[in-house]
């Protein structure tokens, strides 16, 4: 299995799959300075790049754990990526994906 799978957590919220950054992913990447996220309406495919990040320890493309259409992007990430460095995984969510 792709070792990047440990970068994300997923959970069902209102019939969509919320994708967030795990503590292990945060530790591996270091403090995230910038992230290029998909936009609402973008199609994403499991195993294809979901986000590109510039972080303290690495510049990485991170693959999506699920396929579908982006239904929401964390509004906290509009101008500030600090939420991705949060100790609370609930704050470190990236996108909601409609999988069906």
N, C-alpha and C. Protein backbone atom coordinates (compact mmCIF):
# COMPACT_ATOMS: atom_id res chain seq x y z
N UNK A 1 0.85 -1.20 0.00
CA UNK A 1 0.00 0.00 0.00
C UNK A 1 0.88 1.25 0.00
N UNK A 2 0.38 2.30 -0.58
CA UNK A 2 1.09 3.57 -0.64
C UNK A 2 1.36 4.09 0.76
N UNK A 3 2.63 4.41 1.07
CA UNK A 3 2.95 4.90 2.41
C UNK A 3 2.31 6.25 2.69
N UNK A 4 1.90 6.98 1.65
CA UNK A 4 1.21 8.25 1.86
C UNK A 4 -0.16 8.06 2.48
N UNK A 5 -0.66 6.82 2.50
CA UNK A 5 -1.97 6.57 3.10
C UNK A 5 -1.99 7.01 4.56
N UNK A 6 -0.84 7.02 5.21
CA UNK A 6 -0.79 7.44 6.61
C UNK A 6 -0.90 8.96 6.74
N UNK A 7 -0.84 9.69 5.64
CA UNK A 7 -0.95 11.15 5.68
C UNK A 7 -2.38 11.62 5.91
N UNK A 8 -3.35 10.78 5.55
CA UNK A 8 -4.75 11.20 5.58
C UNK A 8 -5.59 10.38 6.52
N UNK A 9 -6.59 11.04 7.09
CA UNK A 9 -7.70 10.34 7.73
C UNK A 9 -8.92 10.65 6.88
N UNK A 10 -9.89 9.76 6.93
CA UNK A 10 -11.15 10.00 6.24
C UNK A 10 -12.29 9.68 7.20
N UNK A 11 -13.37 10.44 7.06
CA UNK A 11 -14.58 10.11 7.81
C UNK A 11 -15.79 10.61 7.06
N UNK A 12 -16.89 9.88 7.23
CA UNK A 12 -18.13 10.23 6.56
C UNK A 12 -18.80 11.39 7.29
N UNK A 13 -19.15 12.44 6.56
CA UNK A 13 -19.87 13.58 7.10
C UNK A 13 -20.94 13.97 6.10
N UNK A 14 -22.18 13.85 6.51
CA UNK A 14 -23.32 14.22 5.65
C UNK A 14 -23.26 13.57 4.28
N UNK A 15 -22.91 12.29 4.23
CA UNK A 15 -22.89 11.56 2.97
C UNK A 15 -21.67 11.81 2.10
N UNK A 16 -20.73 12.60 2.60
CA UNK A 16 -19.50 12.88 1.86
C UNK A 16 -18.32 12.35 2.67
N UNK A 17 -17.19 12.19 2.01
CA UNK A 17 -15.99 11.74 2.69
C UNK A 17 -15.10 12.93 2.97
N UNK A 18 -14.89 13.23 4.23
CA UNK A 18 -13.99 14.32 4.62
C UNK A 18 -12.58 13.74 4.69
N UNK A 19 -11.63 14.45 4.08
CA UNK A 19 -10.24 14.02 4.05
C UNK A 19 -9.42 15.05 4.83
N UNK A 20 -8.62 14.57 5.76
CA UNK A 20 -7.79 15.46 6.56
C UNK A 20 -6.38 14.93 6.72
N UNK A 21 -5.53 15.77 7.22
CA UNK A 21 -4.12 15.44 7.42
C UNK A 21 -3.93 14.85 8.81
N UNK A 22 -3.32 13.68 8.88
CA UNK A 22 -3.08 13.02 10.18
C UNK A 22 -1.89 13.65 10.90
N UNK A 23 -1.80 13.36 12.18
CA UNK A 23 -0.65 13.80 12.97
C UNK A 23 0.64 13.20 12.39
N UNK A 24 0.57 11.94 11.96
CA UNK A 24 1.74 11.30 11.35
C UNK A 24 2.16 12.03 10.08
N UNK A 25 1.18 12.46 9.28
CA UNK A 25 1.47 13.23 8.08
C UNK A 25 2.10 14.57 8.42
N UNK A 26 1.56 15.23 9.46
CA UNK A 26 2.13 16.50 9.90
C UNK A 26 3.58 16.32 10.35
N UNK A 27 3.83 15.25 11.10
CA UNK A 27 5.19 14.99 11.60
C UNK A 27 6.15 14.71 10.46
N UNK A 28 5.69 13.96 9.47
CA UNK A 28 6.52 13.60 8.31
C UNK A 28 6.89 14.82 7.47
N UNK A 29 5.90 15.72 7.28
CA UNK A 29 6.10 16.89 6.43
C UNK A 29 6.75 18.06 7.15
N UNK A 30 6.49 18.18 8.44
CA UNK A 30 6.90 19.37 9.17
C UNK A 30 5.87 20.47 8.96
N UNK A 31 6.16 21.64 9.44
CA UNK A 31 5.23 22.77 9.35
C UNK A 31 4.92 23.11 7.90
N UNK A 32 3.63 23.11 7.57
CA UNK A 32 3.21 23.38 6.19
C UNK A 32 3.14 24.89 5.97
N UNK A 33 3.83 25.33 4.94
CA UNK A 33 3.90 26.76 4.59
C UNK A 33 2.91 27.12 3.48
N UNK A 34 2.65 26.17 2.57
CA UNK A 34 1.78 26.42 1.43
C UNK A 34 1.19 25.10 0.97
N UNK A 35 -0.06 25.13 0.52
CA UNK A 35 -0.69 23.95 -0.06
C UNK A 35 -1.52 24.37 -1.27
N UNK A 36 -1.39 23.62 -2.34
CA UNK A 36 -2.23 23.83 -3.52
C UNK A 36 -3.34 22.80 -3.43
N UNK A 37 -4.57 23.29 -3.22
CA UNK A 37 -5.72 22.42 -3.02
C UNK A 37 -6.61 22.41 -4.25
N UNK A 38 -7.39 21.33 -4.42
CA UNK A 38 -8.36 21.34 -5.52
C UNK A 38 -9.48 22.34 -5.21
N UNK A 39 -10.27 22.65 -6.22
CA UNK A 39 -11.41 23.56 -6.06
C UNK A 39 -12.71 22.76 -6.03
N UNK A 40 -13.75 23.37 -5.45
CA UNK A 40 -15.07 22.73 -5.46
C UNK A 40 -15.46 22.44 -6.91
N UNK A 41 -15.92 21.21 -7.12
CA UNK A 41 -16.30 20.79 -8.47
C UNK A 41 -15.22 20.00 -9.19
N UNK A 42 -13.98 20.07 -8.70
CA UNK A 42 -12.89 19.30 -9.33
C UNK A 42 -13.10 17.81 -9.11
N UNK A 43 -12.82 17.03 -10.13
CA UNK A 43 -12.83 15.58 -9.99
C UNK A 43 -11.48 15.13 -9.43
N UNK A 44 -11.52 14.21 -8.49
CA UNK A 44 -10.29 13.64 -7.95
C UNK A 44 -10.36 12.12 -8.08
N UNK A 45 -9.20 11.52 -8.20
CA UNK A 45 -9.13 10.08 -8.39
C UNK A 45 -8.19 9.49 -7.35
N UNK A 46 -8.63 8.40 -6.73
CA UNK A 46 -7.78 7.71 -5.76
C UNK A 46 -6.45 7.36 -6.43
N UNK A 47 -5.36 7.69 -5.75
CA UNK A 47 -4.04 7.41 -6.27
C UNK A 47 -3.44 8.52 -7.11
N UNK A 48 -4.27 9.54 -7.46
CA UNK A 48 -3.78 10.70 -8.20
C UNK A 48 -3.58 11.85 -7.21
N UNK A 49 -2.81 12.85 -7.58
CA UNK A 49 -2.49 13.95 -6.67
C UNK A 49 -3.75 14.68 -6.21
N UNK A 50 -3.90 14.80 -4.89
CA UNK A 50 -4.98 15.58 -4.30
C UNK A 50 -4.48 16.96 -3.91
N UNK A 51 -3.33 17.01 -3.24
CA UNK A 51 -2.75 18.30 -2.84
C UNK A 51 -1.25 18.28 -3.09
N UNK A 52 -0.71 19.46 -3.28
CA UNK A 52 0.73 19.67 -3.33
C UNK A 52 1.06 20.58 -2.16
N UNK A 53 2.05 20.21 -1.38
CA UNK A 53 2.40 21.01 -0.21
C UNK A 53 3.87 21.40 -0.22
N UNK A 54 4.11 22.59 0.32
CA UNK A 54 5.47 23.02 0.62
C UNK A 54 5.54 23.08 2.14
N UNK A 55 6.42 22.27 2.69
CA UNK A 55 6.52 22.16 4.14
C UNK A 55 7.96 22.25 4.57
N UNK A 56 8.14 22.33 5.86
CA UNK A 56 9.45 22.47 6.48
C UNK A 56 10.43 21.37 6.05
N UNK A 57 9.94 20.13 5.96
CA UNK A 57 10.82 18.99 5.69
C UNK A 57 10.73 18.47 4.26
N UNK A 58 9.69 18.88 3.51
CA UNK A 58 9.51 18.29 2.18
C UNK A 58 8.59 19.15 1.32
N UNK A 59 8.78 19.01 0.01
CA UNK A 59 7.83 19.52 -0.96
C UNK A 59 7.26 18.26 -1.60
N UNK A 60 5.94 18.07 -1.48
CA UNK A 60 5.35 16.79 -1.87
C UNK A 60 4.03 16.95 -2.58
N UNK A 61 3.77 16.03 -3.51
CA UNK A 61 2.44 15.82 -4.04
C UNK A 61 1.88 14.64 -3.26
N UNK A 62 0.68 14.81 -2.72
CA UNK A 62 0.08 13.76 -1.90
C UNK A 62 -1.17 13.26 -2.60
N UNK A 63 -1.26 11.95 -2.75
CA UNK A 63 -2.32 11.33 -3.53
C UNK A 63 -3.61 11.19 -2.73
N UNK A 64 -4.72 11.26 -3.44
CA UNK A 64 -6.05 11.15 -2.83
C UNK A 64 -6.32 9.72 -2.39
N UNK A 65 -6.95 9.57 -1.22
CA UNK A 65 -7.32 8.23 -0.77
C UNK A 65 -8.63 7.74 -1.39
N UNK A 66 -9.41 8.63 -2.00
CA UNK A 66 -10.71 8.28 -2.58
C UNK A 66 -10.92 9.00 -3.91
N UNK A 67 -11.86 8.47 -4.69
CA UNK A 67 -12.26 9.10 -5.95
C UNK A 67 -13.61 9.79 -5.77
N UNK A 68 -13.82 10.88 -6.51
CA UNK A 68 -15.10 11.57 -6.47
C UNK A 68 -14.96 13.01 -6.92
N UNK A 69 -15.89 13.84 -6.47
CA UNK A 69 -15.91 15.26 -6.82
C UNK A 69 -15.78 16.08 -5.55
N UNK A 70 -14.92 17.09 -5.58
CA UNK A 70 -14.73 17.95 -4.41
C UNK A 70 -16.01 18.73 -4.16
N UNK A 71 -16.58 18.54 -2.96
CA UNK A 71 -17.83 19.21 -2.58
C UNK A 71 -17.57 20.43 -1.70
N UNK A 72 -16.44 20.43 -0.97
CA UNK A 72 -16.10 21.56 -0.10
C UNK A 72 -14.61 21.55 0.15
N UNK A 73 -14.07 22.75 0.36
CA UNK A 73 -12.67 22.92 0.75
C UNK A 73 -12.67 23.66 2.08
N UNK A 74 -11.83 23.25 3.00
CA UNK A 74 -11.76 23.88 4.32
C UNK A 74 -11.55 25.39 4.14
N UNK A 75 -12.54 26.22 4.56
CA UNK A 75 -12.41 27.66 4.35
C UNK A 75 -11.26 28.29 5.16
N UNK A 76 -10.80 27.61 6.21
CA UNK A 76 -9.67 28.12 6.98
C UNK A 76 -8.39 28.16 6.15
N UNK A 77 -8.39 27.42 5.02
CA UNK A 77 -7.18 27.31 4.20
C UNK A 77 -7.15 28.33 3.06
N UNK A 78 -8.12 29.24 3.02
CA UNK A 78 -8.16 30.23 1.93
C UNK A 78 -6.88 31.05 1.85
N UNK A 79 -6.42 31.55 2.98
CA UNK A 79 -5.24 32.42 2.98
C UNK A 79 -4.18 32.02 4.00
N UNK A 80 -4.48 30.99 4.78
CA UNK A 80 -3.59 30.62 5.88
C UNK A 80 -3.61 29.11 6.03
N UNK A 81 -2.45 28.51 6.03
CA UNK A 81 -2.37 27.05 6.08
C UNK A 81 -2.07 26.53 7.49
N UNK A 82 -2.16 27.42 8.47
CA UNK A 82 -1.84 27.04 9.85
C UNK A 82 -2.75 25.91 10.37
N UNK A 83 -3.99 25.85 9.89
CA UNK A 83 -4.90 24.79 10.32
C UNK A 83 -4.33 23.40 10.02
N UNK A 84 -3.52 23.30 8.96
CA UNK A 84 -2.92 22.01 8.62
C UNK A 84 -1.83 21.60 9.60
N UNK A 85 -1.39 22.54 10.42
CA UNK A 85 -0.38 22.25 11.44
C UNK A 85 -1.02 22.07 12.82
N UNK A 86 -2.35 22.08 12.87
CA UNK A 86 -3.08 22.02 14.14
C UNK A 86 -2.93 20.65 14.79
N UNK A 87 -2.87 20.65 16.12
CA UNK A 87 -2.83 19.40 16.88
C UNK A 87 -4.18 18.68 16.79
N UNK A 88 -5.24 19.41 16.47
CA UNK A 88 -6.56 18.80 16.33
C UNK A 88 -6.79 18.36 14.89
N UNK A 89 -6.93 17.06 14.68
CA UNK A 89 -7.16 16.57 13.33
C UNK A 89 -8.45 17.15 12.75
N UNK A 90 -9.43 17.47 13.60
CA UNK A 90 -10.67 18.04 13.10
C UNK A 90 -10.46 19.40 12.44
N UNK A 91 -9.44 20.14 12.87
CA UNK A 91 -9.11 21.41 12.23
C UNK A 91 -8.29 21.20 10.96
N UNK A 92 -7.56 20.10 10.89
CA UNK A 92 -6.62 19.85 9.79
C UNK A 92 -7.29 19.11 8.63
N UNK A 93 -8.56 19.42 8.40
CA UNK A 93 -9.22 18.79 7.24
C UNK A 93 -8.98 19.60 5.98
N UNK A 94 -8.98 18.90 4.87
CA UNK A 94 -8.67 19.51 3.58
C UNK A 94 -9.91 19.73 2.74
N UNK A 95 -10.56 18.64 2.40
CA UNK A 95 -11.70 18.68 1.49
C UNK A 95 -12.76 17.67 1.88
N UNK A 96 -13.99 17.94 1.42
CA UNK A 96 -15.06 16.95 1.45
C UNK A 96 -15.25 16.47 0.02
N UNK A 97 -15.32 15.16 -0.16
CA UNK A 97 -15.44 14.59 -1.50
C UNK A 97 -16.73 13.79 -1.59
N UNK A 98 -17.53 14.11 -2.61
CA UNK A 98 -18.73 13.34 -2.91
C UNK A 98 -18.28 12.12 -3.69
N UNK A 99 -18.42 10.95 -3.09
CA UNK A 99 -17.88 9.75 -3.70
C UNK A 99 -18.89 8.95 -4.52
N UNK A 100 -20.16 9.27 -4.37
CA UNK A 100 -21.17 8.49 -5.11
C UNK A 100 -21.76 9.32 -6.25
